[in-house]
Each structure stands twice: as C-alpha cells, then as structure tokens.
N, C-alpha and C. Protein backbone atom coordinates (compact mmCIF):
# COMPACT_ATOMS: atom_id res chain seq x y z
N UNK A 1 0.82 -1.18 0.00
CA UNK A 1 0.00 0.00 0.00
C UNK A 1 0.87 1.25 0.00
N UNK A 2 1.98 1.16 -0.64
CA UNK A 2 2.88 2.31 -0.77
C UNK A 2 2.22 3.36 -1.64
N UNK A 3 2.55 4.61 -1.40
CA UNK A 3 1.92 5.70 -2.12
C UNK A 3 2.78 6.26 -3.23
N UNK A 4 3.68 5.49 -3.77
CA UNK A 4 4.59 6.04 -4.77
C UNK A 4 4.02 5.93 -6.17
N UNK A 5 4.63 6.68 -7.07
CA UNK A 5 4.25 6.58 -8.48
C UNK A 5 4.83 5.32 -9.10
N UNK A 6 6.06 4.97 -8.69
CA UNK A 6 6.72 3.81 -9.30
C UNK A 6 7.69 3.21 -8.30
N UNK A 7 7.54 1.95 -8.01
CA UNK A 7 8.42 1.31 -7.04
C UNK A 7 9.79 0.99 -7.61
N UNK A 8 9.95 1.09 -8.91
CA UNK A 8 11.24 0.76 -9.48
C UNK A 8 12.06 2.00 -9.84
N UNK A 9 11.52 3.18 -9.58
CA UNK A 9 12.24 4.41 -9.94
C UNK A 9 13.47 4.59 -9.07
N UNK A 10 14.54 4.99 -9.70
CA UNK A 10 15.76 5.29 -8.97
C UNK A 10 16.25 6.65 -9.40
N UNK A 11 17.05 7.25 -8.56
CA UNK A 11 17.67 8.51 -8.95
C UNK A 11 19.02 8.62 -8.27
N UNK A 12 20.00 9.13 -8.99
CA UNK A 12 21.32 9.29 -8.38
C UNK A 12 21.26 10.43 -7.38
N UNK A 13 21.69 10.17 -6.16
CA UNK A 13 21.70 11.18 -5.11
C UNK A 13 23.11 11.73 -4.92
N UNK A 14 24.08 10.90 -5.04
CA UNK A 14 25.49 11.29 -4.88
C UNK A 14 26.30 10.30 -5.69
N UNK A 15 27.58 10.50 -5.73
CA UNK A 15 28.42 9.61 -6.52
C UNK A 15 28.18 8.15 -6.17
N UNK A 16 27.51 7.44 -7.07
CA UNK A 16 27.32 6.01 -6.90
C UNK A 16 26.18 5.58 -6.01
N UNK A 17 25.52 6.49 -5.29
CA UNK A 17 24.43 6.12 -4.39
C UNK A 17 23.10 6.45 -5.06
N UNK A 18 22.23 5.46 -5.10
CA UNK A 18 20.89 5.62 -5.66
C UNK A 18 19.88 5.26 -4.58
N UNK A 19 18.78 6.00 -4.52
CA UNK A 19 17.72 5.71 -3.57
C UNK A 19 16.50 5.27 -4.37
N UNK A 20 15.89 4.17 -3.92
CA UNK A 20 14.72 3.64 -4.61
C UNK A 20 13.81 2.98 -3.58
N UNK A 21 12.59 2.70 -3.99
CA UNK A 21 11.70 1.94 -3.13
C UNK A 21 12.10 0.47 -3.17
N UNK A 22 11.81 -0.23 -2.09
CA UNK A 22 12.19 -1.63 -1.99
C UNK A 22 11.15 -2.47 -1.29
N UNK A 23 11.59 -3.62 -0.83
CA UNK A 23 10.70 -4.61 -0.21
C UNK A 23 11.21 -5.00 1.17
N UNK A 24 10.35 -5.63 1.94
CA UNK A 24 10.74 -6.14 3.25
C UNK A 24 11.85 -7.17 3.09
N UNK A 25 11.79 -7.98 2.05
CA UNK A 25 12.81 -9.01 1.83
C UNK A 25 14.18 -8.35 1.64
N UNK A 26 14.24 -7.26 0.90
CA UNK A 26 15.50 -6.57 0.69
C UNK A 26 16.01 -5.96 2.00
N UNK A 27 15.10 -5.43 2.80
CA UNK A 27 15.49 -4.89 4.11
C UNK A 27 16.13 -6.00 4.94
N UNK A 28 15.52 -7.18 4.94
CA UNK A 28 16.05 -8.28 5.74
C UNK A 28 17.39 -8.80 5.23
N UNK A 29 17.67 -8.61 3.96
CA UNK A 29 18.99 -9.01 3.46
C UNK A 29 20.08 -8.03 3.94
N UNK A 30 19.68 -6.84 4.34
CA UNK A 30 20.63 -5.81 4.78
C UNK A 30 20.82 -5.81 6.30
N UNK A 31 19.80 -6.19 7.05
CA UNK A 31 19.84 -6.12 8.52
C UNK A 31 21.06 -6.82 9.14
N UNK A 32 21.51 -7.98 8.66
CA UNK A 32 22.68 -8.61 9.29
C UNK A 32 23.95 -7.76 9.23
N UNK A 33 23.99 -6.75 8.37
CA UNK A 33 25.16 -5.90 8.22
C UNK A 33 25.05 -4.60 9.02
N UNK A 34 24.05 -4.51 9.86
CA UNK A 34 23.84 -3.32 10.69
C UNK A 34 23.91 -3.76 12.15
N UNK A 35 25.04 -3.51 12.82
CA UNK A 35 25.25 -4.04 14.17
C UNK A 35 24.19 -3.62 15.19
N UNK A 36 23.61 -2.45 15.04
CA UNK A 36 22.61 -1.99 16.00
C UNK A 36 21.33 -2.81 15.98
N UNK A 37 21.13 -3.61 14.92
CA UNK A 37 19.91 -4.38 14.79
C UNK A 37 20.03 -5.80 15.30
N UNK A 38 20.95 -6.04 16.19
CA UNK A 38 21.07 -7.34 16.83
C UNK A 38 19.76 -7.63 17.57
N UNK A 39 19.06 -8.68 17.19
CA UNK A 39 17.78 -9.00 17.82
C UNK A 39 16.65 -8.13 17.31
N UNK A 40 16.72 -7.73 16.06
CA UNK A 40 15.73 -6.85 15.45
C UNK A 40 14.36 -7.52 15.38
N UNK A 41 13.39 -6.74 14.99
CA UNK A 41 12.03 -7.26 14.81
C UNK A 41 12.01 -8.37 13.78
N UNK A 42 11.13 -9.36 13.97
CA UNK A 42 10.99 -10.41 12.95
C UNK A 42 10.24 -9.88 11.72
N UNK A 43 10.37 -10.58 10.63
CA UNK A 43 9.72 -10.23 9.37
C UNK A 43 8.20 -10.07 9.56
N UNK A 44 7.61 -10.90 10.41
CA UNK A 44 6.16 -10.83 10.64
C UNK A 44 5.76 -9.48 11.21
N UNK A 45 6.61 -8.89 12.05
CA UNK A 45 6.30 -7.58 12.63
C UNK A 45 6.29 -6.50 11.55
N UNK A 46 7.22 -6.59 10.60
CA UNK A 46 7.23 -5.65 9.48
C UNK A 46 5.93 -5.79 8.68
N UNK A 47 5.57 -7.03 8.36
CA UNK A 47 4.35 -7.26 7.58
C UNK A 47 3.11 -6.76 8.32
N UNK A 48 3.05 -6.98 9.63
CA UNK A 48 1.92 -6.53 10.43
C UNK A 48 1.81 -5.01 10.44
N UNK A 49 2.92 -4.32 10.68
CA UNK A 49 2.90 -2.86 10.76
C UNK A 49 2.63 -2.20 9.41
N UNK A 50 3.06 -2.83 8.33
CA UNK A 50 2.95 -2.20 7.02
C UNK A 50 1.68 -2.58 6.26
N UNK A 51 1.00 -3.63 6.71
CA UNK A 51 -0.20 -4.05 5.99
C UNK A 51 -1.35 -3.09 6.30
N UNK A 52 -2.12 -2.81 5.31
CA UNK A 52 -3.34 -2.00 5.44
C UNK A 52 -3.11 -0.57 5.88
N UNK A 53 -1.91 -0.05 5.66
CA UNK A 53 -1.65 1.36 5.97
C UNK A 53 -0.65 1.91 4.96
N UNK A 54 -0.80 3.18 4.62
CA UNK A 54 0.21 3.76 3.72
C UNK A 54 1.60 3.63 4.34
N UNK A 55 2.56 3.23 3.52
CA UNK A 55 3.92 3.04 4.03
C UNK A 55 4.93 3.30 2.92
N UNK A 56 6.18 3.37 3.33
CA UNK A 56 7.27 3.59 2.38
C UNK A 56 8.48 2.79 2.84
N UNK A 57 9.05 2.02 1.93
CA UNK A 57 10.30 1.30 2.16
C UNK A 57 11.30 1.86 1.17
N UNK A 58 12.35 2.50 1.68
CA UNK A 58 13.39 3.06 0.83
C UNK A 58 14.68 2.28 1.00
N UNK A 59 15.38 2.10 -0.11
CA UNK A 59 16.68 1.45 -0.10
C UNK A 59 17.69 2.37 -0.77
N UNK A 60 18.88 2.38 -0.23
CA UNK A 60 20.00 3.07 -0.88
C UNK A 60 20.90 1.99 -1.45
N UNK A 61 21.30 2.18 -2.71
CA UNK A 61 22.19 1.24 -3.38
C UNK A 61 23.47 1.94 -3.78
N UNK A 62 24.56 1.21 -3.64
CA UNK A 62 25.84 1.69 -4.14
C UNK A 62 26.05 1.02 -5.48
N UNK A 63 26.25 1.83 -6.53
CA UNK A 63 26.50 1.31 -7.87
C UNK A 63 27.84 1.85 -8.33
N UNK A 64 28.81 0.97 -8.39
CA UNK A 64 30.15 1.37 -8.80
C UNK A 64 30.31 1.10 -10.28
N UNK A 65 29.91 2.07 -11.10
CA UNK A 65 30.00 1.90 -12.55
C UNK A 65 31.45 1.99 -13.04
N UNK A 66 32.29 2.66 -12.28
CA UNK A 66 33.69 2.81 -12.69
C UNK A 66 34.39 1.46 -12.66
N UNK A 67 34.20 0.72 -11.55
CA UNK A 67 34.84 -0.58 -11.43
C UNK A 67 33.95 -1.70 -11.93
N UNK A 68 32.78 -1.33 -12.46
CA UNK A 68 31.86 -2.28 -13.06
C UNK A 68 31.45 -3.38 -12.08
N UNK A 69 31.26 -2.99 -10.81
CA UNK A 69 30.81 -3.96 -9.81
C UNK A 69 29.31 -4.19 -9.88
N UNK A 70 28.59 -3.23 -10.41
CA UNK A 70 27.13 -3.37 -10.50
C UNK A 70 26.78 -4.21 -11.72
N UNK A 71 26.00 -5.25 -11.49
CA UNK A 71 25.57 -6.11 -12.58
C UNK A 71 24.08 -5.86 -12.83
N UNK A 72 23.70 -5.81 -14.08
CA UNK A 72 22.30 -5.63 -14.46
C UNK A 72 21.70 -4.38 -13.81
N UNK A 73 22.48 -3.33 -13.73
CA UNK A 73 22.04 -2.05 -13.18
C UNK A 73 21.59 -2.17 -11.72
N UNK A 74 22.03 -3.18 -11.00
CA UNK A 74 21.73 -3.33 -9.59
C UNK A 74 23.02 -3.16 -8.81
N UNK A 75 22.91 -2.59 -7.63
CA UNK A 75 24.09 -2.37 -6.82
C UNK A 75 24.02 -3.09 -5.50
N UNK A 76 24.98 -2.78 -4.65
CA UNK A 76 25.01 -3.33 -3.30
C UNK A 76 24.12 -2.49 -2.41
N UNK A 77 23.33 -3.13 -1.58
CA UNK A 77 22.46 -2.39 -0.67
C UNK A 77 23.31 -1.70 0.39
N UNK A 78 23.10 -0.39 0.53
CA UNK A 78 23.90 0.41 1.45
C UNK A 78 23.11 0.83 2.68
N UNK A 79 21.79 0.93 2.58
CA UNK A 79 20.99 1.36 3.72
C UNK A 79 19.51 1.27 3.40
N UNK A 80 18.69 1.47 4.44
CA UNK A 80 17.24 1.42 4.25
C UNK A 80 16.55 2.34 5.25
N UNK A 81 15.32 2.66 4.94
CA UNK A 81 14.46 3.44 5.83
C UNK A 81 13.03 2.96 5.60
N UNK A 82 12.33 2.62 6.68
CA UNK A 82 10.97 2.10 6.61
C UNK A 82 10.08 2.97 7.49
N UNK A 83 8.96 3.38 6.94
CA UNK A 83 8.01 4.16 7.73
C UNK A 83 6.58 3.89 7.29
N UNK A 84 5.64 4.33 8.13
CA UNK A 84 4.23 4.12 7.83
C UNK A 84 3.39 5.19 8.51
N UNK A 85 2.14 5.29 8.07
CA UNK A 85 1.24 6.26 8.68
C UNK A 85 0.88 5.82 10.08
N UNK A 86 1.16 6.69 11.04
CA UNK A 86 0.84 6.41 12.44
C UNK A 86 -0.58 6.82 12.74
N UNK A 87 -0.96 7.96 12.22
CA UNK A 87 -2.32 8.49 12.33
C UNK A 87 -2.46 9.54 11.23
N UNK A 88 -3.65 9.98 10.92
CA UNK A 88 -3.77 10.97 9.85
C UNK A 88 -2.86 12.18 10.09
N UNK A 89 -2.07 12.51 9.08
CA UNK A 89 -1.16 13.65 9.16
C UNK A 89 0.20 13.36 9.76
N UNK A 90 0.36 12.16 10.37
CA UNK A 90 1.63 11.83 11.03
C UNK A 90 2.24 10.58 10.39
N UNK A 91 3.45 10.75 9.85
CA UNK A 91 4.19 9.62 9.28
C UNK A 91 5.26 9.21 10.27
N UNK A 92 5.31 7.92 10.58
CA UNK A 92 6.25 7.38 11.57
C UNK A 92 7.45 6.76 10.87
N UNK A 93 8.61 7.33 11.07
CA UNK A 93 9.86 6.79 10.54
C UNK A 93 10.29 5.69 11.51
N UNK A 94 9.93 4.46 11.19
CA UNK A 94 10.02 3.36 12.14
C UNK A 94 11.42 2.76 12.24
N UNK A 95 11.97 2.33 11.12
CA UNK A 95 13.26 1.64 11.16
C UNK A 95 14.16 2.19 10.05
N UNK A 96 15.44 2.19 10.31
CA UNK A 96 16.39 2.61 9.29
C UNK A 96 17.80 2.30 9.76
N UNK A 97 18.66 2.09 8.81
CA UNK A 97 20.05 1.81 9.15
C UNK A 97 20.92 1.81 7.90
N UNK A 98 22.22 1.89 8.14
CA UNK A 98 23.19 1.91 7.06
C UNK A 98 24.20 0.79 7.28
N UNK A 99 24.46 0.03 6.22
CA UNK A 99 25.46 -1.04 6.21
C UNK A 99 26.77 -0.46 6.73
N UNK A 100 27.45 -1.20 7.60
CA UNK A 100 28.69 -0.70 8.21
C UNK A 100 29.72 -0.25 7.17
N UNK A 101 29.73 -0.86 6.00
CA UNK A 101 30.69 -0.53 4.94
C UNK A 101 30.42 0.84 4.30
N UNK A 102 29.18 1.35 4.42
CA UNK A 102 28.81 2.58 3.73
C UNK A 102 28.53 3.75 4.68
N UNK A 103 28.99 3.64 5.90
CA UNK A 103 28.77 4.72 6.86
C UNK A 103 29.68 5.90 6.57
N UNK A 104 29.23 7.07 7.01
CA UNK A 104 29.96 8.34 6.83
C UNK A 104 30.06 8.73 5.35
N UNK A 105 29.07 8.28 4.56
CA UNK A 105 29.04 8.63 3.14
C UNK A 105 27.77 9.42 2.80
N UNK A 106 26.99 9.80 3.81
CA UNK A 106 25.77 10.57 3.57
C UNK A 106 24.56 9.73 3.23
N UNK A 107 24.65 8.42 3.38
CA UNK A 107 23.54 7.54 3.01
C UNK A 107 22.31 7.80 3.88
N UNK A 108 22.49 7.92 5.18
CA UNK A 108 21.35 8.16 6.09
C UNK A 108 20.65 9.47 5.74
N UNK A 109 21.43 10.50 5.45
CA UNK A 109 20.84 11.80 5.10
C UNK A 109 20.06 11.70 3.79
N UNK A 110 20.59 10.96 2.81
CA UNK A 110 19.88 10.81 1.54
C UNK A 110 18.54 10.10 1.74
N UNK A 111 18.56 9.05 2.54
CA UNK A 111 17.32 8.32 2.82
C UNK A 111 16.32 9.20 3.57
N UNK A 112 16.80 9.94 4.57
CA UNK A 112 15.93 10.82 5.35
C UNK A 112 15.36 11.93 4.47
N UNK A 113 16.18 12.51 3.61
CA UNK A 113 15.70 13.55 2.69
C UNK A 113 14.58 13.01 1.81
N UNK A 114 14.80 11.83 1.24
CA UNK A 114 13.81 11.25 0.33
C UNK A 114 12.52 10.92 1.10
N UNK A 115 12.65 10.40 2.33
CA UNK A 115 11.46 10.08 3.11
C UNK A 115 10.66 11.35 3.42
N UNK A 116 11.35 12.42 3.79
CA UNK A 116 10.67 13.68 4.08
C UNK A 116 9.97 14.24 2.84
N UNK A 117 10.66 14.21 1.70
CA UNK A 117 10.05 14.68 0.46
C UNK A 117 8.79 13.89 0.14
N UNK A 118 8.87 12.58 0.28
CA UNK A 118 7.74 11.71 0.00
C UNK A 118 6.59 12.02 0.96
N UNK A 119 6.89 12.16 2.25
CA UNK A 119 5.85 12.41 3.25
C UNK A 119 5.13 13.74 2.98
N UNK A 120 5.89 14.75 2.59
CA UNK A 120 5.27 16.04 2.26
C UNK A 120 4.36 15.89 1.05
N UNK A 121 4.85 15.22 0.00
CA UNK A 121 4.05 15.03 -1.20
C UNK A 121 2.80 14.20 -0.92
N UNK A 122 2.89 13.30 0.05
CA UNK A 122 1.75 12.45 0.40
C UNK A 122 0.78 13.16 1.36
N UNK A 123 1.09 14.39 1.75
CA UNK A 123 0.17 15.17 2.57
C UNK A 123 0.37 15.10 4.07
N UNK A 124 1.47 14.52 4.52
CA UNK A 124 1.73 14.47 5.96
C UNK A 124 2.29 15.81 6.42
N UNK A 125 1.95 16.20 7.65
CA UNK A 125 2.49 17.46 8.20
C UNK A 125 3.45 17.23 9.36
N UNK A 126 3.59 15.99 9.79
CA UNK A 126 4.47 15.67 10.92
C UNK A 126 5.21 14.37 10.64
N UNK A 127 6.48 14.35 11.01
CA UNK A 127 7.30 13.15 10.93
C UNK A 127 7.72 12.82 12.36
N UNK A 128 7.53 11.58 12.77
CA UNK A 128 7.85 11.16 14.14
C UNK A 128 8.78 9.96 14.09
N UNK A 129 9.65 9.85 15.07
CA UNK A 129 10.51 8.68 15.21
C UNK A 129 10.77 8.41 16.68
N UNK A 130 11.25 7.20 16.94
CA UNK A 130 11.62 6.80 18.30
C UNK A 130 12.99 6.14 18.22
N UNK A 131 13.85 6.47 19.16
CA UNK A 131 15.17 5.85 19.21
C UNK A 131 15.53 5.55 20.65
N UNK A 132 16.55 4.77 20.83
CA UNK A 132 17.04 4.43 22.16
C UNK A 132 18.06 5.47 22.60
N UNK A 133 18.13 5.70 23.87
CA UNK A 133 19.10 6.66 24.41
C UNK A 133 20.53 6.23 24.08
N UNK A 134 20.77 4.93 23.94
CA UNK A 134 22.14 4.46 23.66
C UNK A 134 22.60 4.81 22.24
N UNK A 135 21.68 5.15 21.36
CA UNK A 135 22.04 5.49 19.98
C UNK A 135 22.27 7.00 19.84
N UNK A 136 23.36 7.45 20.43
CA UNK A 136 23.67 8.89 20.46
C UNK A 136 23.80 9.47 19.05
N UNK A 137 24.37 8.72 18.13
CA UNK A 137 24.50 9.19 16.76
C UNK A 137 23.14 9.49 16.14
N UNK A 138 22.17 8.62 16.38
CA UNK A 138 20.82 8.83 15.83
C UNK A 138 20.16 10.03 16.48
N UNK A 139 20.37 10.20 17.78
CA UNK A 139 19.80 11.37 18.47
C UNK A 139 20.36 12.66 17.88
N UNK A 140 21.68 12.73 17.74
CA UNK A 140 22.31 13.93 17.17
C UNK A 140 21.86 14.15 15.74
N UNK A 141 21.83 13.09 14.93
CA UNK A 141 21.39 13.17 13.54
C UNK A 141 19.98 13.77 13.47
N UNK A 142 19.09 13.27 14.31
CA UNK A 142 17.70 13.72 14.30
C UNK A 142 17.57 15.18 14.73
N UNK A 143 18.25 15.55 15.78
CA UNK A 143 18.18 16.93 16.26
C UNK A 143 18.75 17.89 15.23
N UNK A 144 19.86 17.51 14.61
CA UNK A 144 20.45 18.36 13.57
C UNK A 144 19.54 18.49 12.35
N UNK A 145 18.64 17.55 12.15
CA UNK A 145 17.70 17.60 11.03
C UNK A 145 16.40 18.30 11.40
N UNK A 146 16.34 18.90 12.58
CA UNK A 146 15.18 19.69 12.95
C UNK A 146 14.14 18.99 13.80
N UNK A 147 14.44 17.78 14.28
CA UNK A 147 13.51 17.10 15.17
C UNK A 147 13.62 17.68 16.58
N UNK A 148 12.50 17.64 17.30
CA UNK A 148 12.46 18.05 18.69
C UNK A 148 12.05 16.85 19.53
N UNK A 149 12.53 16.80 20.76
CA UNK A 149 12.15 15.72 21.67
C UNK A 149 10.72 15.96 22.13
N UNK A 150 9.87 14.98 21.90
CA UNK A 150 8.47 15.05 22.26
C UNK A 150 8.24 14.44 23.63
N UNK A 151 8.86 13.28 23.88
CA UNK A 151 8.71 12.61 25.17
C UNK A 151 9.81 11.57 25.35
N UNK A 152 9.90 11.07 26.57
CA UNK A 152 10.88 10.05 26.91
C UNK A 152 10.15 8.93 27.66
N UNK A 153 10.42 7.69 27.26
CA UNK A 153 9.86 6.53 27.95
C UNK A 153 10.97 5.93 28.81
N UNK A 154 10.84 6.04 30.14
CA UNK A 154 11.91 5.51 31.01
C UNK A 154 11.90 3.98 31.09
N UNK A 155 13.09 3.43 31.27
CA UNK A 155 13.31 2.00 31.46
C UNK A 155 14.29 1.86 32.61
N UNK A 156 14.45 0.67 33.18
CA UNK A 156 15.37 0.51 34.31
C UNK A 156 16.80 1.00 34.03
N UNK A 157 17.31 0.73 32.83
CA UNK A 157 18.65 1.21 32.47
C UNK A 157 18.53 2.46 31.61
N UNK A 158 19.30 3.49 31.93
CA UNK A 158 19.22 4.75 31.20
C UNK A 158 19.49 4.55 29.70
N UNK A 159 20.40 3.65 29.32
CA UNK A 159 20.67 3.39 27.91
C UNK A 159 19.44 2.87 27.16
N UNK A 160 18.52 2.25 27.89
CA UNK A 160 17.33 1.66 27.28
C UNK A 160 16.17 2.64 27.16
N UNK A 161 16.30 3.85 27.71
CA UNK A 161 15.24 4.84 27.57
C UNK A 161 14.92 5.01 26.09
N UNK A 162 13.63 5.15 25.78
CA UNK A 162 13.20 5.44 24.40
C UNK A 162 12.91 6.93 24.32
N UNK A 163 13.40 7.55 23.27
CA UNK A 163 13.20 8.98 23.07
C UNK A 163 12.38 9.17 21.81
N UNK A 164 11.23 9.83 21.96
CA UNK A 164 10.35 10.08 20.84
C UNK A 164 10.61 11.50 20.35
N UNK A 165 10.87 11.62 19.05
CA UNK A 165 11.17 12.91 18.44
C UNK A 165 10.16 13.19 17.34
N UNK A 166 9.93 14.48 17.08
CA UNK A 166 8.96 14.87 16.08
C UNK A 166 9.45 16.10 15.33
N UNK A 167 9.04 16.17 14.07
CA UNK A 167 9.44 17.28 13.21
C UNK A 167 8.23 17.71 12.40
N UNK A 168 8.00 19.02 12.33
CA UNK A 168 6.93 19.54 11.47
C UNK A 168 7.45 19.57 10.04
N UNK A 169 6.60 19.15 9.12
CA UNK A 169 6.96 19.14 7.72
C UNK A 169 6.25 20.28 7.01
N UNK A 170 6.94 20.91 6.12
CA UNK A 170 6.32 21.93 5.29
C UNK A 170 6.94 21.84 3.90
N UNK A 171 6.12 22.07 2.89
CA UNK A 171 6.64 21.99 1.52
C UNK A 171 7.78 22.98 1.32
N UNK A 172 8.80 22.55 0.58
CA UNK A 172 9.92 23.43 0.26
C UNK A 172 9.53 24.32 -0.90
N UNK A 173 9.85 25.58 -0.78
CA UNK A 173 9.56 26.53 -1.85
C UNK A 173 10.81 26.69 -2.70
N UNK A 174 10.65 26.52 -3.99
CA UNK A 174 11.81 26.64 -4.89
C UNK A 174 11.71 27.89 -5.71
C-alpha cells in the first residue's frame, strides 16, 4: 500500500548512491550488516505494521560503474528506511540503518531527505521517530535535522530509555 508513483524508480543522489523503493525481503537481506539491529524485529512484525496502511520502504544502493561492480544495473544495498502512517497527518519513521561498509558517506541523510520529500508530497504534516538513548548518533542526527524531543519513555537502564522525536513538515519553496 505504498503511495509512490513507481516502485522501481531510482535517482542518483550522490556519486554512486541511488535511492529507490524496496521490499521487506531486501530490508532483511541488509539487517545482518547493521550491528545496532542485533535481535531486530521479525519479518512478521514488518508485515503486520505495514499491511493495510500507507507506508514507504526506501533502499539506498551503491552502484560502482567505474569498477563495473554493479551487474544488471543493480548495486550493493547500502541502507534502508521504513516508515508508515501512524495516524492521519503523522508519518512514523520506524526503522532505518546503514550497512557498516557505507557509513559516513551521507547515506542516512539521503534516505531521510527522500522520506521527508515523500511524506510532504503524500500530505503528511508531521514526521515522528523513536530511538534508544544508547544510539547517540541517531539522536544527534535527528536533532540536527530539525527534530524536537516530544517525550521520553523511562526504562530501568538509562541506555534503554526510548526517546520520541517529532518534526513539522512543510513543503519546500523553490
């Protein structure tokens, strides 16, 4: 129930990185390469959350045309971002990560930019996410992208606290 025009559309975002829509199966092929997802949600949870609601699965691919590593115009999966409608007007950026080999290359920012653009075009006015207190990089990334802390869910260990962040979306004027 994705709201895109074309699930196979790709566009070059930076040297060799392409962002496109993908599938849960592709996300699961990438999860083993993301250390933070040790003990991640099972495939059934993805299917449950994404069924019967507008959603978006984005994949970033690395295509090395110079060294001809990409075969059949397909590249190596570099990262993903999965989100769905939480309630009318609010899009929940649920899961996302970048393969350890492609970190510090702007992949997370490219995926976040594309998700925000899509959410605005789909009529959402708010983007929400939740992260763990132990993921300081994600907290900093989110705050630098204009998210504000909405609430905190305490847990026995401070590292396990969940932090809910929210960002107002507005169309970009060109």
